[in-house]
């Protein structure tokens, strides 16, 4: 009985210490975060202006956004939703579609500002709802480089506008997505 009481007390103290350390990390001014907001302009299989292409599919079928499809992405990112606004860089990477109408995104966000001597990037991964979904999605920001070296956090992505494009590819569309990265320096 005394031994189990001792272990119970130790477990309670451990939980209190862990909770206190997490609270301290959130309140510690060294862990301040900041937001980076931009708009990605994505043209999925829209013809010559496409910024996202299906490069592999089940049985070699690259004519639809379906289970097993692999999409390569090279989207322009801008300061506002207007495609003619200030270009900030690129969103490049891969989307892999699974059978549940979701896809896994593995992308590099390249911020290219005039006067920057080093390339600045964020690595982002996560699973998102299908392409035709407009609700907010969250993805993990794993790391930053250049001016954002050592930063990590999360990204909130929402679709601002979406236009389906009729043609030979099922699911061809033009999307504008708002990305807000909430990031900070990691210890």
N, C-alpha and C. Protein backbone atom coordinates (compact mmCIF):
# COMPACT_ATOMS: atom_id res chain seq x y z
N UNK A 1 0.83 -1.19 0.00
CA UNK A 1 0.00 0.00 0.00
C UNK A 1 0.87 1.25 0.00
N UNK A 2 1.89 1.27 0.86
CA UNK A 2 2.78 2.43 0.96
C UNK A 2 3.55 2.63 -0.34
N UNK A 3 3.92 1.51 -0.99
CA UNK A 3 4.66 1.59 -2.25
C UNK A 3 3.77 2.19 -3.34
N UNK A 4 2.51 1.74 -3.44
CA UNK A 4 1.62 2.28 -4.47
C UNK A 4 1.30 3.75 -4.20
N UNK A 5 1.20 4.14 -2.92
CA UNK A 5 0.96 5.53 -2.57
C UNK A 5 2.15 6.39 -2.99
N UNK A 6 3.37 5.85 -2.80
CA UNK A 6 4.59 6.55 -3.17
C UNK A 6 4.62 6.77 -4.69
N UNK A 7 4.26 5.73 -5.48
CA UNK A 7 4.23 5.85 -6.94
C UNK A 7 3.15 6.82 -7.39
N UNK A 8 2.00 6.81 -6.72
CA UNK A 8 0.91 7.73 -7.07
C UNK A 8 1.34 9.17 -6.84
N UNK A 9 2.01 9.42 -5.71
CA UNK A 9 2.49 10.76 -5.41
C UNK A 9 3.54 11.19 -6.43
N UNK A 10 4.43 10.27 -6.80
CA UNK A 10 5.46 10.58 -7.80
C UNK A 10 4.81 10.90 -9.14
N UNK A 11 3.78 10.16 -9.52
CA UNK A 11 3.09 10.41 -10.79
C UNK A 11 2.42 11.78 -10.78
N UNK A 12 1.78 12.14 -9.68
CA UNK A 12 1.13 13.45 -9.58
C UNK A 12 2.17 14.56 -9.67
N UNK A 13 3.29 14.42 -8.98
CA UNK A 13 4.35 15.43 -9.04
C UNK A 13 4.91 15.56 -10.45
N UNK A 14 5.07 14.43 -11.15
CA UNK A 14 5.57 14.46 -12.52
C UNK A 14 4.61 15.22 -13.43
N UNK A 15 3.32 14.97 -13.30
CA UNK A 15 2.32 15.67 -14.12
C UNK A 15 2.35 17.16 -13.83
N UNK A 16 2.46 17.55 -12.56
CA UNK A 16 2.51 18.96 -12.19
C UNK A 16 3.76 19.62 -12.78
N UNK A 17 4.91 18.93 -12.70
CA UNK A 17 6.15 19.49 -13.25
C UNK A 17 6.06 19.66 -14.76
N UNK A 18 5.50 18.66 -15.45
CA UNK A 18 5.37 18.76 -16.91
C UNK A 18 4.43 19.90 -17.27
N UNK A 19 3.30 20.01 -16.57
CA UNK A 19 2.35 21.10 -16.84
C UNK A 19 3.00 22.45 -16.61
N UNK A 20 3.76 22.58 -15.54
CA UNK A 20 4.42 23.86 -15.24
C UNK A 20 5.44 24.20 -16.31
N UNK A 21 6.18 23.20 -16.79
CA UNK A 21 7.19 23.49 -17.82
C UNK A 21 6.53 23.92 -19.12
N UNK A 22 5.40 23.32 -19.48
CA UNK A 22 4.70 23.73 -20.70
C UNK A 22 4.14 25.14 -20.56
N UNK A 23 3.60 25.47 -19.40
CA UNK A 23 3.09 26.82 -19.18
C UNK A 23 4.23 27.82 -19.27
N UNK A 24 5.38 27.50 -18.68
CA UNK A 24 6.53 28.40 -18.73
C UNK A 24 6.98 28.62 -20.18
N UNK A 25 6.99 27.55 -20.98
CA UNK A 25 7.42 27.68 -22.38
C UNK A 25 6.49 28.60 -23.16
N UNK A 26 5.19 28.54 -22.88
CA UNK A 26 4.25 29.39 -23.60
C UNK A 26 4.39 30.86 -23.18
N UNK A 27 4.74 31.10 -21.94
CA UNK A 27 4.81 32.47 -21.44
C UNK A 27 6.19 33.09 -21.58
N UNK A 28 7.20 32.28 -21.81
CA UNK A 28 8.57 32.76 -21.91
C UNK A 28 8.72 33.70 -23.11
N UNK A 29 9.17 34.94 -22.91
CA UNK A 29 9.28 35.89 -24.02
C UNK A 29 10.26 35.45 -25.11
N UNK A 30 11.16 34.52 -24.80
CA UNK A 30 12.07 34.01 -25.83
C UNK A 30 11.32 33.22 -26.90
N UNK A 31 10.10 32.82 -26.61
CA UNK A 31 9.34 31.98 -27.52
C UNK A 31 8.26 32.76 -28.27
N UNK A 32 8.48 34.03 -28.50
CA UNK A 32 7.50 34.84 -29.23
C UNK A 32 7.34 34.30 -30.65
N UNK A 33 6.12 34.38 -31.13
CA UNK A 33 5.85 33.96 -32.51
C UNK A 33 5.50 35.18 -33.34
N UNK A 34 5.56 35.01 -34.64
CA UNK A 34 5.10 36.06 -35.56
C UNK A 34 4.38 35.38 -36.72
N UNK A 35 3.59 36.15 -37.42
CA UNK A 35 2.83 35.63 -38.55
C UNK A 35 3.45 36.07 -39.86
N UNK A 36 3.47 35.15 -40.80
CA UNK A 36 3.88 35.43 -42.17
C UNK A 36 2.68 35.08 -43.04
N UNK A 37 2.08 36.06 -43.71
CA UNK A 37 0.89 35.82 -44.52
C UNK A 37 1.18 36.11 -45.98
N UNK A 38 0.70 35.21 -46.84
CA UNK A 38 0.86 35.37 -48.29
C UNK A 38 -0.26 34.60 -48.98
N UNK A 39 -0.34 34.75 -50.29
CA UNK A 39 -1.37 34.09 -51.09
C UNK A 39 -0.69 33.24 -52.16
N UNK A 40 -1.09 31.98 -52.25
CA UNK A 40 -0.55 31.07 -53.26
C UNK A 40 -1.55 30.98 -54.41
N UNK A 41 -1.05 31.11 -55.61
CA UNK A 41 -1.88 31.04 -56.82
C UNK A 41 -1.57 29.72 -57.51
N UNK A 42 -2.57 28.84 -57.53
CA UNK A 42 -2.37 27.47 -57.99
C UNK A 42 -3.26 27.17 -59.18
N UNK A 43 -2.66 26.74 -60.27
CA UNK A 43 -3.40 26.34 -61.47
C UNK A 43 -3.14 24.86 -61.69
N UNK A 44 -4.10 24.01 -61.27
CA UNK A 44 -3.94 22.56 -61.35
C UNK A 44 -4.41 22.07 -62.71
N UNK A 45 -3.46 21.61 -63.53
CA UNK A 45 -3.75 21.02 -64.84
C UNK A 45 -4.64 21.92 -65.70
N UNK A 46 -4.34 23.21 -65.75
CA UNK A 46 -5.16 24.16 -66.50
C UNK A 46 -4.62 24.44 -67.90
N UNK A 47 -3.63 23.69 -68.33
CA UNK A 47 -3.06 23.91 -69.66
C UNK A 47 -1.67 24.47 -69.56
N UNK A 48 -1.32 25.35 -70.51
CA UNK A 48 0.03 25.90 -70.56
C UNK A 48 0.40 26.73 -69.33
N UNK A 49 -0.60 27.31 -68.65
CA UNK A 49 -0.31 28.14 -67.48
C UNK A 49 -0.31 27.36 -66.17
N UNK A 50 -0.38 26.03 -66.22
CA UNK A 50 -0.47 25.21 -65.01
C UNK A 50 0.75 25.39 -64.12
N UNK A 51 0.49 25.49 -62.81
CA UNK A 51 1.56 25.54 -61.81
C UNK A 51 1.57 24.27 -60.97
N UNK A 52 0.63 23.37 -61.22
CA UNK A 52 0.56 22.08 -60.54
C UNK A 52 0.15 21.03 -61.57
N UNK A 53 0.95 19.97 -61.67
CA UNK A 53 0.70 18.93 -62.67
C UNK A 53 0.68 17.55 -62.03
N UNK A 54 -0.24 16.71 -62.50
CA UNK A 54 -0.27 15.31 -62.10
C UNK A 54 0.86 14.62 -62.86
N UNK A 55 1.82 14.04 -62.13
CA UNK A 55 2.96 13.39 -62.79
C UNK A 55 2.93 11.88 -62.68
N UNK A 56 2.07 11.34 -61.81
CA UNK A 56 1.94 9.89 -61.68
C UNK A 56 0.56 9.58 -61.15
N UNK A 57 0.05 8.41 -61.53
CA UNK A 57 -1.25 7.97 -61.07
C UNK A 57 -1.34 6.46 -61.15
N UNK A 58 -2.35 5.87 -60.53
CA UNK A 58 -2.49 4.42 -60.54
C UNK A 58 -2.66 3.90 -61.97
N UNK A 59 -1.89 2.89 -62.33
CA UNK A 59 -1.97 2.33 -63.68
C UNK A 59 -1.51 3.30 -64.75
N UNK A 60 -0.76 4.32 -64.36
CA UNK A 60 -0.29 5.31 -65.33
C UNK A 60 -1.32 6.37 -65.69
N UNK A 61 -2.50 6.35 -65.04
CA UNK A 61 -3.56 7.31 -65.34
C UNK A 61 -3.23 8.66 -64.70
N UNK A 62 -2.96 9.65 -65.53
CA UNK A 62 -2.68 10.99 -65.02
C UNK A 62 -3.75 11.98 -65.48
N UNK A 63 -4.96 11.47 -65.66
CA UNK A 63 -6.04 12.33 -66.17
C UNK A 63 -7.04 12.74 -65.10
N UNK A 64 -6.75 12.44 -63.81
CA UNK A 64 -7.70 12.81 -62.76
C UNK A 64 -6.99 12.95 -61.42
N UNK A 65 -7.52 13.84 -60.58
CA UNK A 65 -7.06 13.94 -59.20
C UNK A 65 -7.75 12.82 -58.43
N UNK A 66 -7.05 11.70 -58.25
CA UNK A 66 -7.64 10.51 -57.64
C UNK A 66 -6.62 9.82 -56.75
N UNK A 67 -7.07 8.77 -56.06
CA UNK A 67 -6.20 7.99 -55.19
C UNK A 67 -4.93 7.58 -55.93
N UNK A 68 -3.80 7.80 -55.30
CA UNK A 68 -2.53 7.40 -55.89
C UNK A 68 -1.88 8.43 -56.78
N UNK A 69 -2.57 9.53 -57.04
CA UNK A 69 -1.99 10.55 -57.92
C UNK A 69 -0.89 11.31 -57.16
N UNK A 70 0.13 11.68 -57.89
CA UNK A 70 1.22 12.50 -57.37
C UNK A 70 1.24 13.79 -58.17
N UNK A 71 1.14 14.92 -57.47
CA UNK A 71 1.06 16.23 -58.12
C UNK A 71 2.31 17.03 -57.74
N UNK A 72 3.00 17.56 -58.74
CA UNK A 72 4.15 18.43 -58.51
C UNK A 72 3.65 19.87 -58.57
N UNK A 73 4.09 20.69 -57.62
CA UNK A 73 3.57 22.05 -57.44
C UNK A 73 4.70 23.07 -57.56
N UNK A 74 4.43 24.17 -58.27
CA UNK A 74 5.37 25.29 -58.38
C UNK A 74 4.54 26.58 -58.47
N UNK A 75 3.93 26.94 -57.34
CA UNK A 75 3.00 28.07 -57.29
C UNK A 75 3.69 29.38 -56.96
N UNK A 76 3.24 30.46 -57.58
CA UNK A 76 3.69 31.81 -57.23
C UNK A 76 3.00 32.21 -55.92
N UNK A 77 3.73 32.88 -55.02
CA UNK A 77 3.09 33.44 -53.83
C UNK A 77 3.21 34.96 -53.89
N UNK A 78 2.11 35.63 -53.50
CA UNK A 78 2.05 37.09 -53.60
C UNK A 78 1.61 37.70 -52.26
N UNK A 79 1.72 39.01 -52.20
CA UNK A 79 1.38 39.76 -50.99
C UNK A 79 -0.12 39.79 -50.72
N UNK A 80 -0.95 39.83 -51.78
CA UNK A 80 -2.41 39.85 -51.63
C UNK A 80 -3.02 38.79 -52.55
N UNK A 81 -4.34 38.67 -52.51
CA UNK A 81 -5.03 37.70 -53.36
C UNK A 81 -5.00 38.10 -54.83
N UNK A 82 -4.70 39.34 -55.12
CA UNK A 82 -4.59 39.81 -56.50
C UNK A 82 -3.33 39.20 -57.13
N UNK A 83 -3.47 38.43 -58.22
CA UNK A 83 -2.29 37.81 -58.83
C UNK A 83 -1.27 38.82 -59.34
N UNK A 84 -1.68 40.08 -59.52
CA UNK A 84 -0.75 41.12 -59.97
C UNK A 84 -0.07 41.86 -58.82
N UNK A 85 -0.35 41.46 -57.58
CA UNK A 85 0.30 42.12 -56.43
C UNK A 85 1.75 41.65 -56.33
N UNK A 86 2.48 42.24 -55.41
CA UNK A 86 3.91 41.98 -55.24
C UNK A 86 4.19 40.49 -55.08
N UNK A 87 5.02 39.93 -55.96
CA UNK A 87 5.43 38.53 -55.85
C UNK A 87 6.43 38.39 -54.71
N UNK A 88 6.20 37.41 -53.83
CA UNK A 88 7.06 37.20 -52.68
C UNK A 88 7.97 35.99 -52.84
N UNK A 89 7.62 35.08 -53.73
CA UNK A 89 8.42 33.88 -53.90
C UNK A 89 7.62 32.75 -54.51
N UNK A 90 7.92 31.52 -54.07
CA UNK A 90 7.30 30.31 -54.63
C UNK A 90 6.88 29.36 -53.52
N UNK A 91 5.89 28.54 -53.83
CA UNK A 91 5.50 27.41 -53.00
C UNK A 91 5.73 26.20 -53.90
N UNK A 92 6.71 25.36 -53.56
CA UNK A 92 7.09 24.24 -54.41
C UNK A 92 7.05 22.95 -53.63
N UNK A 93 6.66 21.85 -54.30
CA UNK A 93 6.67 20.57 -53.61
C UNK A 93 5.78 19.54 -54.25
N UNK A 94 5.24 18.64 -53.40
CA UNK A 94 4.45 17.50 -53.86
C UNK A 94 3.15 17.40 -53.08
N UNK A 95 2.10 16.97 -53.77
CA UNK A 95 0.86 16.54 -53.13
C UNK A 95 0.69 15.07 -53.49
N UNK A 96 0.38 14.24 -52.50
CA UNK A 96 0.09 12.83 -52.73
C UNK A 96 -1.35 12.60 -52.30
N UNK A 97 -2.19 12.07 -53.20
CA UNK A 97 -3.60 11.87 -52.89
C UNK A 97 -3.83 10.47 -52.33
N UNK A 98 -4.63 10.38 -51.25
CA UNK A 98 -4.99 9.08 -50.70
C UNK A 98 -6.44 8.77 -51.05
N UNK A 99 -6.93 7.64 -50.60
CA UNK A 99 -8.26 7.19 -51.01
C UNK A 99 -9.41 7.87 -50.31
N UNK A 100 -9.15 8.71 -49.31
CA UNK A 100 -10.25 9.30 -48.54
C UNK A 100 -10.50 10.75 -48.92
N UNK A 101 -10.20 11.11 -50.16
CA UNK A 101 -10.41 12.48 -50.66
C UNK A 101 -9.54 13.49 -49.92
N UNK A 102 -8.42 13.01 -49.39
CA UNK A 102 -7.47 13.90 -48.73
C UNK A 102 -6.14 13.79 -49.46
N UNK A 103 -5.27 14.74 -49.20
CA UNK A 103 -3.94 14.62 -49.77
C UNK A 103 -2.90 15.10 -48.77
N UNK A 104 -1.72 14.56 -48.94
CA UNK A 104 -0.58 14.93 -48.11
C UNK A 104 0.22 15.95 -48.87
N UNK A 105 0.51 17.07 -48.22
CA UNK A 105 1.29 18.14 -48.84
C UNK A 105 2.68 18.15 -48.21
N UNK A 106 3.68 18.17 -49.05
CA UNK A 106 5.07 18.35 -48.62
C UNK A 106 5.64 19.45 -49.49
N UNK A 107 5.73 20.65 -48.93
CA UNK A 107 6.11 21.81 -49.75
C UNK A 107 7.21 22.62 -49.08
N UNK A 108 7.94 23.33 -49.91
CA UNK A 108 8.92 24.31 -49.46
C UNK A 108 8.40 25.68 -49.88
N UNK A 109 8.34 26.59 -48.95
CA UNK A 109 7.93 27.96 -49.25
C UNK A 109 9.20 28.78 -49.33
N UNK A 110 9.45 29.35 -50.49
CA UNK A 110 10.67 30.13 -50.73
C UNK A 110 10.29 31.60 -50.75
N UNK A 111 10.80 32.35 -49.78
CA UNK A 111 10.55 33.79 -49.71
C UNK A 111 11.76 34.47 -50.33
N UNK A 112 11.54 35.22 -51.39
CA UNK A 112 12.64 35.86 -52.12
C UNK A 112 12.40 37.35 -52.16
N UNK A 113 13.01 38.06 -51.22
CA UNK A 113 12.83 39.50 -51.13
C UNK A 113 14.04 40.23 -51.70
N UNK A 114 13.82 41.34 -52.40
CA UNK A 114 14.95 42.11 -52.92
C UNK A 114 15.89 42.51 -51.79
N UNK A 115 17.16 42.35 -52.03
CA UNK A 115 18.16 42.71 -51.03
C UNK A 115 18.56 41.59 -50.10
N UNK A 116 17.76 40.50 -50.05
CA UNK A 116 18.15 39.36 -49.22
C UNK A 116 19.34 38.67 -49.86
N UNK A 117 20.37 38.43 -49.07
CA UNK A 117 21.56 37.77 -49.60
C UNK A 117 21.47 36.25 -49.49
N UNK A 118 20.57 35.75 -48.65
CA UNK A 118 20.41 34.31 -48.49
C UNK A 118 18.97 33.93 -48.84
N UNK A 119 18.82 32.73 -49.39
CA UNK A 119 17.47 32.24 -49.68
C UNK A 119 16.80 31.86 -48.37
N UNK A 120 15.57 32.29 -48.19
CA UNK A 120 14.81 32.02 -46.98
C UNK A 120 13.70 31.04 -47.32
N UNK A 121 13.59 29.96 -46.54
CA UNK A 121 12.57 28.96 -46.82
C UNK A 121 11.89 28.50 -45.54
N UNK A 122 10.71 27.92 -45.72
CA UNK A 122 10.02 27.17 -44.67
C UNK A 122 9.67 25.81 -45.27
N UNK A 123 9.83 24.75 -44.48
CA UNK A 123 9.41 23.41 -44.88
C UNK A 123 8.08 23.12 -44.20
N UNK A 124 7.07 22.76 -44.99
CA UNK A 124 5.72 22.55 -44.48
C UNK A 124 5.23 21.17 -44.90
N UNK A 125 4.64 20.42 -43.96
CA UNK A 125 4.05 19.12 -44.28
C UNK A 125 2.73 18.97 -43.54
N UNK A 126 1.89 18.08 -44.05
CA UNK A 126 0.64 17.78 -43.37
C UNK A 126 -0.37 17.22 -44.32
N UNK A 127 -1.47 16.78 -43.75
CA UNK A 127 -2.56 16.23 -44.55
C UNK A 127 -3.68 17.24 -44.62
N UNK A 128 -4.21 17.41 -45.80
CA UNK A 128 -5.27 18.39 -46.02
C UNK A 128 -6.49 17.71 -46.61
N UNK A 129 -7.63 18.33 -46.39
CA UNK A 129 -8.84 17.85 -47.05
C UNK A 129 -8.68 18.05 -48.55
N UNK A 130 -9.54 17.45 -49.34
CA UNK A 130 -9.44 17.48 -50.79
C UNK A 130 -9.33 18.87 -51.39
N UNK A 131 -9.01 18.90 -52.67
CA UNK A 131 -8.79 20.16 -53.38
C UNK A 131 -10.04 21.03 -53.44
N UNK A 132 -11.21 20.45 -53.39
CA UNK A 132 -12.44 21.22 -53.54
C UNK A 132 -13.04 21.63 -52.20
N UNK A 133 -12.22 21.76 -51.18
CA UNK A 133 -12.68 22.12 -49.85
C UNK A 133 -12.19 23.53 -49.52
N UNK A 134 -13.08 24.35 -48.98
CA UNK A 134 -12.71 25.74 -48.72
C UNK A 134 -12.50 26.06 -47.24
N UNK A 135 -12.69 25.08 -46.35
CA UNK A 135 -12.50 25.38 -44.92
C UNK A 135 -11.02 25.52 -44.59
N UNK A 136 -10.74 26.05 -43.39
CA UNK A 136 -9.35 26.23 -42.96
C UNK A 136 -8.70 24.87 -42.69
N UNK A 137 -7.43 24.78 -43.03
CA UNK A 137 -6.64 23.59 -42.77
C UNK A 137 -5.39 24.00 -42.02
N UNK A 138 -4.86 23.10 -41.21
CA UNK A 138 -3.62 23.36 -40.50
C UNK A 138 -2.56 22.37 -40.95
N UNK A 139 -1.35 22.88 -41.16
CA UNK A 139 -0.21 22.06 -41.54
C UNK A 139 0.95 22.41 -40.62
N UNK A 140 1.89 21.50 -40.48
CA UNK A 140 3.06 21.72 -39.62
C UNK A 140 4.17 22.44 -40.37
N UNK A 141 4.71 23.48 -39.76
CA UNK A 141 5.92 24.13 -40.28
C UNK A 141 7.08 23.51 -39.51
N UNK A 142 7.87 22.67 -40.20
CA UNK A 142 8.91 21.90 -39.53
C UNK A 142 10.18 22.69 -39.26
N UNK A 143 10.55 23.57 -40.19
CA UNK A 143 11.82 24.28 -40.02
C UNK A 143 11.89 25.46 -40.97
N UNK A 144 12.75 26.39 -40.62
CA UNK A 144 13.03 27.52 -41.49
C UNK A 144 14.52 27.60 -41.77
N UNK A 145 14.87 28.25 -42.89
CA UNK A 145 16.28 28.46 -43.23
C UNK A 145 16.49 29.93 -43.55
N UNK A 146 17.73 30.31 -43.76
CA UNK A 146 18.04 31.70 -44.11
C UNK A 146 17.64 32.64 -42.99
N UNK A 147 16.87 33.67 -43.33
CA UNK A 147 16.42 34.64 -42.32
C UNK A 147 15.52 34.01 -41.27
N UNK A 148 14.95 32.84 -41.55
CA UNK A 148 14.04 32.15 -40.62
C UNK A 148 14.67 30.90 -40.04
N UNK A 149 15.99 30.84 -39.98
CA UNK A 149 16.72 29.67 -39.50
C UNK A 149 16.25 29.26 -38.11
N UNK A 150 15.89 27.99 -37.97
CA UNK A 150 15.50 27.44 -36.68
C UNK A 150 14.07 27.72 -36.26
N UNK A 151 13.28 28.39 -37.09
CA UNK A 151 11.90 28.66 -36.73
C UNK A 151 11.01 27.48 -37.11
N UNK A 152 9.96 27.28 -36.33
CA UNK A 152 8.96 26.28 -36.66
C UNK A 152 7.63 26.71 -36.07
N UNK A 153 6.58 26.00 -36.43
CA UNK A 153 5.25 26.35 -35.96
C UNK A 153 4.19 25.64 -36.76
N UNK A 154 3.18 26.40 -37.21
CA UNK A 154 2.11 25.79 -38.00
C UNK A 154 1.62 26.79 -39.04
N UNK A 155 0.94 26.25 -40.04
CA UNK A 155 0.36 27.08 -41.11
C UNK A 155 -1.15 26.89 -41.10
N UNK A 156 -1.88 27.97 -41.25
CA UNK A 156 -3.33 27.92 -41.43
C UNK A 156 -3.59 28.32 -42.88
N UNK A 157 -4.26 27.43 -43.62
CA UNK A 157 -4.49 27.63 -45.04
C UNK A 157 -5.99 27.65 -45.30
N UNK A 158 -6.45 28.63 -46.06
CA UNK A 158 -7.86 28.67 -46.47
C UNK A 158 -7.94 29.04 -47.94
N UNK A 159 -8.95 28.52 -48.60
CA UNK A 159 -9.14 28.81 -50.02
C UNK A 159 -9.95 30.09 -50.14
N UNK A 160 -9.38 31.10 -50.81
CA UNK A 160 -10.03 32.39 -51.01
C UNK A 160 -10.97 32.32 -52.21
N UNK A 161 -10.50 31.69 -53.29
CA UNK A 161 -11.36 31.51 -54.46
C UNK A 161 -10.95 30.24 -55.18
N UNK A 162 -11.92 29.70 -55.92
CA UNK A 162 -11.68 28.46 -56.64
C UNK A 162 -12.53 28.45 -57.90
N UNK A 163 -11.90 28.15 -59.02
CA UNK A 163 -12.61 28.08 -60.30
C UNK A 163 -12.28 26.76 -60.97
N UNK A 164 -13.30 25.94 -61.18
CA UNK A 164 -13.08 24.69 -61.90
C UNK A 164 -12.93 25.01 -63.38
N UNK A 165 -12.01 24.30 -64.04
CA UNK A 165 -11.70 24.55 -65.45
C UNK A 165 -12.12 23.33 -66.25
N UNK A 166 -13.10 23.48 -67.17
CA UNK A 166 -13.50 22.34 -67.98
C UNK A 166 -12.37 21.93 -68.92
N UNK A 167 -12.28 20.64 -69.16
CA UNK A 167 -11.25 20.17 -70.07
C UNK A 167 -11.06 18.68 -69.93
N UNK A 168 -9.95 18.19 -70.43
CA UNK A 168 -9.71 16.75 -70.46
C UNK A 168 -9.28 16.20 -69.10
N UNK A 169 -8.80 17.04 -68.20
CA UNK A 169 -8.36 16.58 -66.88
C UNK A 169 -9.48 16.80 -65.87
N UNK A 170 -9.91 15.71 -65.23
CA UNK A 170 -10.96 15.81 -64.21
C UNK A 170 -10.36 16.47 -62.97
N UNK A 171 -10.94 17.55 -62.52
CA UNK A 171 -10.47 18.26 -61.34
C UNK A 171 -9.58 19.44 -61.64
N UNK A 172 -9.40 19.78 -62.92
CA UNK A 172 -8.59 20.95 -63.26
C UNK A 172 -9.23 22.19 -62.63
N UNK A 173 -8.41 23.04 -62.03
CA UNK A 173 -8.95 24.19 -61.32
C UNK A 173 -7.88 25.25 -61.09
N UNK A 174 -8.36 26.46 -60.83
CA UNK A 174 -7.50 27.57 -60.43
C UNK A 174 -7.90 27.96 -59.02
N UNK A 175 -6.95 27.95 -58.10
CA UNK A 175 -7.21 28.26 -56.69
C UNK A 175 -6.34 29.42 -56.23
N UNK A 176 -6.89 30.23 -55.34
CA UNK A 176 -6.09 31.19 -54.59
C UNK A 176 -6.25 30.81 -53.13
N UNK A 177 -5.13 30.56 -52.48
CA UNK A 177 -5.15 30.14 -51.09
C UNK A 177 -4.42 31.15 -50.22
N UNK A 178 -5.03 31.47 -49.09
CA UNK A 178 -4.37 32.34 -48.12
C UNK A 178 -3.62 31.45 -47.13
N UNK A 179 -2.34 31.72 -46.98
CA UNK A 179 -1.49 31.00 -46.03
C UNK A 179 -1.06 31.97 -44.94
N UNK A 180 -1.24 31.57 -43.69
CA UNK A 180 -0.68 32.31 -42.56
C UNK A 180 0.19 31.35 -41.77
N UNK A 181 1.48 31.63 -41.74
CA UNK A 181 2.41 30.82 -40.96
C UNK A 181 2.56 31.48 -39.59
N UNK A 182 2.36 30.71 -38.54
CA UNK A 182 2.57 31.17 -37.18
C UNK A 182 3.84 30.46 -36.71
N UNK A 183 4.93 31.21 -36.65
CA UNK A 183 6.24 30.59 -36.43
C UNK A 183 7.03 31.35 -35.38
N UNK A 184 7.98 30.65 -34.81
CA UNK A 184 8.88 31.26 -33.84
C UNK A 184 10.15 30.45 -33.75
N UNK A 185 11.11 31.00 -33.08
CA UNK A 185 12.42 30.36 -32.93
C UNK A 185 12.30 29.17 -31.99
N UNK A 186 12.85 28.05 -32.40
CA UNK A 186 12.86 26.86 -31.56
C UNK A 186 14.12 26.86 -30.69
N UNK A 187 14.02 26.22 -29.54
CA UNK A 187 15.21 26.11 -28.67
C UNK A 187 16.18 25.12 -29.23
